[in-house]
PDB file of N, CA and C in Angstrom:
ATOM      1  N   MET A   1      12.793   8.950  15.175  1.00  0.00           N
ATOM      2  CA  MET A   1      12.340   7.852  16.008  1.00  0.00           C
ATOM      3  C   MET A   1      13.170   6.613  15.707  1.00  0.00           C
ATOM      4  N   ALA A   2      13.685   6.006  16.744  1.00  0.00           N
ATOM      5  CA  ALA A   2      14.509   4.814  16.564  1.00  0.00           C
ATOM      6  C   ALA A   2      13.618   3.617  16.251  1.00  0.00           C
ATOM      7  N   ARG A   3      14.145   2.707  15.471  1.00  0.00           N
ATOM      8  CA  ARG A   3      13.406   1.498  15.119  1.00  0.00           C
ATOM      9  C   ARG A   3      13.716   0.419  16.152  1.00  0.00           C
ATOM     10  N   VAL A   4      12.968   0.464  17.267  1.00  0.00           N
ATOM     11  CA  VAL A   4      13.150  -0.511  18.331  1.00  0.00           C
ATOM     12  C   VAL A   4      11.792  -1.086  18.700  1.00  0.00           C
ATOM     13  N   CYS A   5      11.817  -2.246  19.313  1.00  0.00           N
ATOM     14  CA  CYS A   5      10.584  -2.881  19.778  1.00  0.00           C
ATOM     15  C   CYS A   5      10.022  -2.091  20.954  1.00  0.00           C
ATOM     16  N   ALA A   6       8.725  -1.790  20.908  1.00  0.00           N
ATOM     17  CA  ALA A   6       8.086  -1.018  21.971  1.00  0.00           C
ATOM     18  C   ALA A   6       7.914  -1.844  23.243  1.00  0.00           C
ATOM     19  N   ILE A   7       8.015  -3.168  23.169  1.00  0.00           N
ATOM     20  CA  ILE A   7       7.804  -4.028  24.329  1.00  0.00           C
ATOM     21  C   ILE A   7       9.126  -4.361  25.017  1.00  0.00           C
ATOM     22  N   CYS A   8      10.070  -4.939  24.270  1.00  0.00           N
ATOM     23  CA  CYS A   8      11.319  -5.405  24.891  1.00  0.00           C
ATOM     24  C   CYS A   8      12.500  -4.474  24.643  1.00  0.00           C
ATOM     25  N   GLY A   9      12.358  -3.498  23.741  1.00  0.00           N
ATOM     26  CA  GLY A   9      13.449  -2.560  23.495  1.00  0.00           C
ATOM     27  C   GLY A   9      14.539  -3.065  22.572  1.00  0.00           C
ATOM     28  N   LYS A  10      14.279  -4.184  21.905  1.00  0.00           N
ATOM     29  CA  LYS A  10      15.280  -4.740  20.988  1.00  0.00           C
ATOM     30  C   LYS A  10      15.485  -3.795  19.816  1.00  0.00           C
ATOM     31  N   GLY A  11      16.747  -3.506  19.473  1.00  0.00           N
ATOM     32  CA  GLY A  11      17.066  -2.584  18.391  1.00  0.00           C
ATOM     33  C   GLY A  11      18.202  -3.098  17.532  1.00  0.00           C
ATOM     34  N   LYS A  12      18.823  -2.188  16.770  1.00  0.00           N
ATOM     35  CA  LYS A  12      19.926  -2.573  15.907  1.00  0.00           C
ATOM     36  C   LYS A  12      21.134  -3.007  16.722  1.00  0.00           C
ATOM     37  N   VAL A  13      21.858  -4.001  16.186  1.00  0.00           N
ATOM     38  CA  VAL A  13      23.093  -4.488  16.793  1.00  0.00           C
ATOM     39  C   VAL A  13      24.170  -4.407  15.729  1.00  0.00           C
ATOM     40  N   SER A  14      25.354  -3.935  16.101  1.00  0.00           N
ATOM     41  CA  SER A  14      26.427  -3.808  15.116  1.00  0.00           C
ATOM     42  C   SER A  14      27.499  -4.848  15.385  1.00  0.00           C
ATOM     43  N   GLY A  15      28.253  -5.132  14.321  1.00  0.00           N
ATOM     44  CA  GLY A  15      29.332  -6.110  14.425  1.00  0.00           C
ATOM     45  C   GLY A  15      30.091  -6.165  13.118  1.00  0.00           C
ATOM     46  N   ASN A  16      30.704  -7.297  12.856  1.00  0.00           N
ATOM     47  CA  ASN A  16      31.514  -7.471  11.663  1.00  0.00           C
ATOM     48  C   ASN A  16      31.034  -8.667  10.856  1.00  0.00           C
ATOM     49  N   THR A  17      31.073  -8.532   9.530  1.00  0.00           N
ATOM     50  CA  THR A  17      30.997  -9.717   8.690  1.00  0.00           C
ATOM     51  C   THR A  17      32.432 -10.180   8.508  1.00  0.00           C
ATOM     52  N   VAL A  18      32.642 -11.457   8.609  1.00  0.00           N
ATOM     53  CA  VAL A  18      33.983 -12.005   8.492  1.00  0.00           C
ATOM     54  C   VAL A  18      33.996 -12.948   7.303  1.00  0.00           C
ATOM     55  N   SER A  19      34.820 -12.631   6.317  1.00  0.00           N
ATOM     56  CA  SER A  19      34.884 -13.441   5.104  1.00  0.00           C
ATOM     57  C   SER A  19      35.740 -14.686   5.345  1.00  0.00           C
ATOM     58  N   HIS A  20      35.776 -15.538   4.354  1.00  0.00           N
ATOM     59  CA  HIS A  20      36.581 -16.760   4.447  1.00  0.00           C
ATOM     60  C   HIS A  20      38.066 -16.433   4.599  1.00  0.00           C
ATOM     61  N   SER A  21      38.499 -15.312   4.012  1.00  0.00           N
ATOM     62  CA  SER A  21      39.900 -14.894   4.142  1.00  0.00           C
ATOM     63  C   SER A  21      40.127 -14.058   5.404  1.00  0.00           C
ATOM     64  N   ASN A  22      39.110 -13.997   6.282  1.00  0.00           N
ATOM     65  CA  ASN A  22      39.171 -13.335   7.594  1.00  0.00           C
ATOM     66  C   ASN A  22      39.243 -11.818   7.502  1.00  0.00           C
ATOM     67  N   ARG A  23      38.731 -11.259   6.398  1.00  0.00           N
ATOM     68  CA  ARG A  23      38.605  -9.806   6.309  1.00  0.00           C
ATOM     69  C   ARG A  23      37.364  -9.378   7.069  1.00  0.00           C
ATOM     70  N   HIS A  24      37.440  -8.272   7.772  1.00  0.00           N
ATOM     71  CA  HIS A  24      36.334  -7.785   8.592  1.00  0.00           C
ATOM     72  C   HIS A  24      35.728  -6.534   7.976  1.00  0.00           C
ATOM     73  N   ASN A  25      34.392  -6.507   7.866  1.00  0.00           N
ATOM     74  CA  ASN A  25      33.649  -5.355   7.386  1.00  0.00           C
ATOM     75  C   ASN A  25      32.505  -5.080   8.353  1.00  0.00           C
ATOM     76  N   LYS A  26      32.299  -3.804   8.645  1.00  0.00           N
ATOM     77  CA  LYS A  26      31.228  -3.416   9.562  1.00  0.00           C
ATOM     78  C   LYS A  26      29.864  -3.715   8.952  1.00  0.00           C
ATOM     79  N   ARG A  27      28.926  -4.138   9.791  1.00  0.00           N
ATOM     80  CA  ARG A  27      27.549  -4.363   9.359  1.00  0.00           C
ATOM     81  C   ARG A  27      26.628  -4.250  10.558  1.00  0.00           C
ATOM     82  N   THR A  28      25.316  -4.184  10.308  1.00  0.00           N
ATOM     83  CA  THR A  28      24.338  -4.115  11.386  1.00  0.00           C
ATOM     84  C   THR A  28      23.285  -5.200  11.190  1.00  0.00           C
ATOM     85  N   TRP A  29      22.717  -5.625  12.283  1.00  0.00           N
ATOM     86  CA  TRP A  29      21.598  -6.551  12.268  1.00  0.00           C
ATOM     87  C   TRP A  29      20.390  -5.819  12.808  1.00  0.00           C
ATOM     88  N   ALA A  30      19.293  -5.845  12.079  1.00  0.00           N
ATOM     89  CA  ALA A  30      18.073  -5.157  12.496  1.00  0.00           C
ATOM     90  C   ALA A  30      17.072  -6.182  13.032  1.00  0.00           C
ATOM     91  N   PRO A  31      16.280  -5.817  14.042  1.00  0.00           N
ATOM     92  CA  PRO A  31      15.256  -6.729  14.546  1.00  0.00           C
ATOM     93  C   PRO A  31      14.116  -6.867  13.541  1.00  0.00           C
ATOM     94  N   ASN A  32      13.402  -7.968  13.626  1.00  0.00           N
ATOM     95  CA  ASN A  32      12.264  -8.225  12.746  1.00  0.00           C
ATOM     96  C   ASN A  32      11.035  -7.553  13.344  1.00  0.00           C
ATOM     97  N   LEU A  33      10.796  -6.291  12.958  1.00  0.00           N
ATOM     98  CA  LEU A  33       9.714  -5.494  13.544  1.00  0.00           C
ATOM     99  C   LEU A  33       8.484  -5.489  12.660  1.00  0.00           C
ATOM    100  N   ARG A  34       7.327  -5.453  13.298  1.00  0.00           N
ATOM    101  CA  ARG A  34       6.046  -5.341  12.617  1.00  0.00           C
ATOM    102  C   ARG A  34       5.263  -4.200  13.250  1.00  0.00           C
ATOM    103  N   ARG A  35       4.579  -3.415  12.421  1.00  0.00           N
ATOM    104  CA  ARG A  35       3.727  -2.338  12.935  1.00  0.00           C
ATOM    105  C   ARG A  35       2.363  -2.945  13.223  1.00  0.00           C
ATOM    106  N   VAL A  36       1.953  -2.916  14.493  1.00  0.00           N
ATOM    107  CA  VAL A  36       0.798  -3.678  14.964  1.00  0.00           C
ATOM    108  C   VAL A  36      -0.129  -2.763  15.759  1.00  0.00           C
ATOM    109  N   ARG A  37      -1.426  -2.971  15.601  1.00  0.00           N
ATOM    110  CA  ARG A  37      -2.388  -2.323  16.490  1.00  0.00           C
ATOM    111  C   ARG A  37      -2.518  -3.180  17.740  1.00  0.00           C
ATOM    112  N   ALA A  38      -2.162  -2.602  18.886  1.00  0.00           N
ATOM    113  CA  ALA A  38      -2.192  -3.330  20.152  1.00  0.00           C
ATOM    114  C   ALA A  38      -3.010  -2.545  21.166  1.00  0.00           C
ATOM    115  N   ILE A  39      -3.488  -3.259  22.179  1.00  0.00           N
ATOM    116  CA  ILE A  39      -4.238  -2.635  23.262  1.00  0.00           C
ATOM    117  C   ILE A  39      -3.251  -2.147  24.319  1.00  0.00           C
ATOM    118  N   VAL A  40      -3.211  -0.812  24.525  1.00  0.00           N
ATOM    119  CA  VAL A  40      -2.360  -0.211  25.551  1.00  0.00           C
ATOM    120  C   VAL A  40      -3.243   0.643  26.446  1.00  0.00           C
ATOM    121  N   ASP A  41      -3.301   0.297  27.726  1.00  0.00           N
ATOM    122  CA  ASP A  41      -4.152   0.994  28.704  1.00  0.00           C
ATOM    123  C   ASP A  41      -5.611   1.058  28.254  1.00  0.00           C
ATOM    124  N   GLY A  42      -6.099  -0.012  27.642  1.00  0.00           N
ATOM    125  CA  GLY A  42      -7.501  -0.117  27.254  1.00  0.00           C
ATOM    126  C   GLY A  42      -7.861   0.511  25.926  1.00  0.00           C
ATOM    127  N   THR A  43      -6.905   1.156  25.239  1.00  0.00           N
ATOM    128  CA  THR A  43      -7.184   1.766  23.944  1.00  0.00           C
ATOM    129  C   THR A  43      -6.239   1.197  22.892  1.00  0.00           C
ATOM    130  N   PRO A  44      -6.716   1.048  21.648  1.00  0.00           N
ATOM    131  CA  PRO A  44      -5.826   0.556  20.593  1.00  0.00           C
ATOM    132  C   PRO A  44      -4.804   1.614  20.192  1.00  0.00           C
ATOM    133  N   LYS A  45      -3.587   1.156  19.932  1.00  0.00           N
ATOM    134  CA  LYS A  45      -2.495   2.054  19.588  1.00  0.00           C
ATOM    135  C   LYS A  45      -1.556   1.325  18.632  1.00  0.00           C
ATOM    136  N   ARG A  46      -0.953   2.049  17.687  1.00  0.00           N
ATOM    137  CA  ARG A  46      -0.001   1.441  16.755  1.00  0.00           C
ATOM    138  C   ARG A  46       1.384   1.404  17.382  1.00  0.00           C
ATOM    139  N   LEU A  47       2.003   0.220  17.365  1.00  0.00           N
ATOM    140  CA  LEU A  47       3.318   0.026  17.959  1.00  0.00           C
ATOM    141  C   LEU A  47       4.215  -0.738  16.999  1.00  0.00           C
ATOM    142  N   ASN A  48       5.519  -0.478  17.077  1.00  0.00           N
ATOM    143  CA  ASN A  48       6.505  -1.323  16.419  1.00  0.00           C
ATOM    144  C   ASN A  48       6.878  -2.421  17.399  1.00  0.00           C
ATOM    145  N   VAL A  49       6.588  -3.673  17.034  1.00  0.00           N
ATOM    146  CA  VAL A  49       6.794  -4.808  17.925  1.00  0.00           C
ATOM    147  C   VAL A  49       7.589  -5.869  17.188  1.00  0.00           C
ATOM    148  N   CYS A  50       8.574  -6.468  17.867  1.00  0.00           N
ATOM    149  CA  CYS A  50       9.355  -7.535  17.232  1.00  0.00           C
ATOM    150  C   CYS A  50       8.527  -8.818  17.203  1.00  0.00           C
ATOM    151  N   THR A  51       8.847  -9.689  16.283  1.00  0.00           N
ATOM    152  CA  THR A  51       8.069 -10.913  16.105  1.00  0.00           C
ATOM    153  C   THR A  51       8.243 -11.867  17.282  1.00  0.00           C
ATOM    154  N   ARG A  52       9.329 -11.759  18.022  1.00  0.00           N
ATOM    155  CA  ARG A  52       9.502 -12.597  19.214  1.00  0.00           C
ATOM    156  C   ARG A  52       8.451 -12.248  20.261  1.00  0.00           C
ATOM    157  N   CYS A  53       8.185 -10.957  20.451  1.00  0.00           N
ATOM    158  CA  CYS A  53       7.154 -10.535  21.416  1.00  0.00           C
ATOM    159  C   CYS A  53       5.761 -10.916  20.942  1.00  0.00           C
ATOM    160  N   LEU A  54       5.513 -10.819  19.621  1.00  0.00           N
ATOM    161  CA  LEU A  54       4.217 -11.228  19.081  1.00  0.00           C
ATOM    162  C   LEU A  54       3.989 -12.718  19.288  1.00  0.00           C
ATOM    163  N   ARG A  55       5.008 -13.524  19.006  1.00  0.00           N
ATOM    164  CA  ARG A  55       4.879 -14.967  19.081  1.00  0.00           C
ATOM    165  C   ARG A  55       4.720 -15.444  20.524  1.00  0.00           C
ATOM    166  N   SER A  56       5.401 -14.774  21.459  1.00  0.00           N
ATOM    167  CA  SER A  56       5.357 -15.219  22.849  1.00  0.00           C
ATOM    168  C   SER A  56       4.116 -14.719  23.580  1.00  0.00           C
ATOM    169  N   GLY A  57       3.319 -13.858  22.938  1.00  0.00           N
ATOM    170  CA  GLY A  57       2.080 -13.404  23.556  1.00  0.00           C
ATOM    171  C   GLY A  57       2.259 -12.225  24.483  1.00  0.00           C
ATOM    172  N   ASN A  58       3.330 -11.468  24.361  1.00  0.00           N
ATOM    173  CA  ASN A  58       3.546 -10.289  25.203  1.00  0.00           C
ATOM    174  C   ASN A  58       2.715  -9.101  24.766  1.00  0.00           C
ATOM    175  N   VAL A  59       2.044  -9.215  23.603  1.00  0.00           N
ATOM    176  CA  VAL A  59       1.266  -8.114  23.048  1.00  0.00           C
ATOM    177  C   VAL A  59      -0.178  -8.565  22.893  1.00  0.00           C
ATOM    178  N   GLU A  60      -1.117  -7.731  23.357  1.00  0.00           N
ATOM    179  CA  GLU A  60      -2.537  -8.012  23.146  1.00  0.00           C
ATOM    180  C   GLU A  60      -2.967  -7.274  21.894  1.00  0.00           C
ATOM    181  N   ARG A  61      -3.262  -8.027  20.833  1.00  0.00           N
ATOM    182  CA  ARG A  61      -3.612  -7.426  19.533  1.00  0.00           C
ATOM    183  C   ARG A  61      -5.005  -6.826  19.595  1.00  0.00           C
ATOM    184  N   ALA A  62      -5.165  -5.688  18.896  1.00  0.00           N
ATOM    185  CA  ALA A  62      -6.475  -5.067  18.739  1.00  0.00           C
ATOM    186  C   ALA A  62      -7.057  -5.536  17.413  1.00  0.00           C
ATOM    187  N   ILE A  63      -8.309  -5.954  17.433  1.00  0.00           N
ATOM    188  CA  ILE A  63      -8.926  -6.496  16.213  1.00  0.00           C
ATOM    189  C   ILE A  63      -9.867  -5.471  15.617  1.00  0.00           C
TER     190      ILE A  63
END
C-alpha cells in the first residue's frame, strides 16, 4: 500500500539535495500523514490523511 493521502492523493516527491559546492544527491520528500478515524459514507473508517486536508476541514473526524 502506497503512503498517500486518501483525500487529495498527495504522496512522495523526489528531487535532489544540492550542497553548497553544488553537488547533487537524490532524496525524497514525504507528506505529513496522520492515521485518522474519519466518517466515510456514514461509517467510521481509518484513513491516511495529510495534515493540510485535516487543517482545511476536508475530513469529517469520527469521535
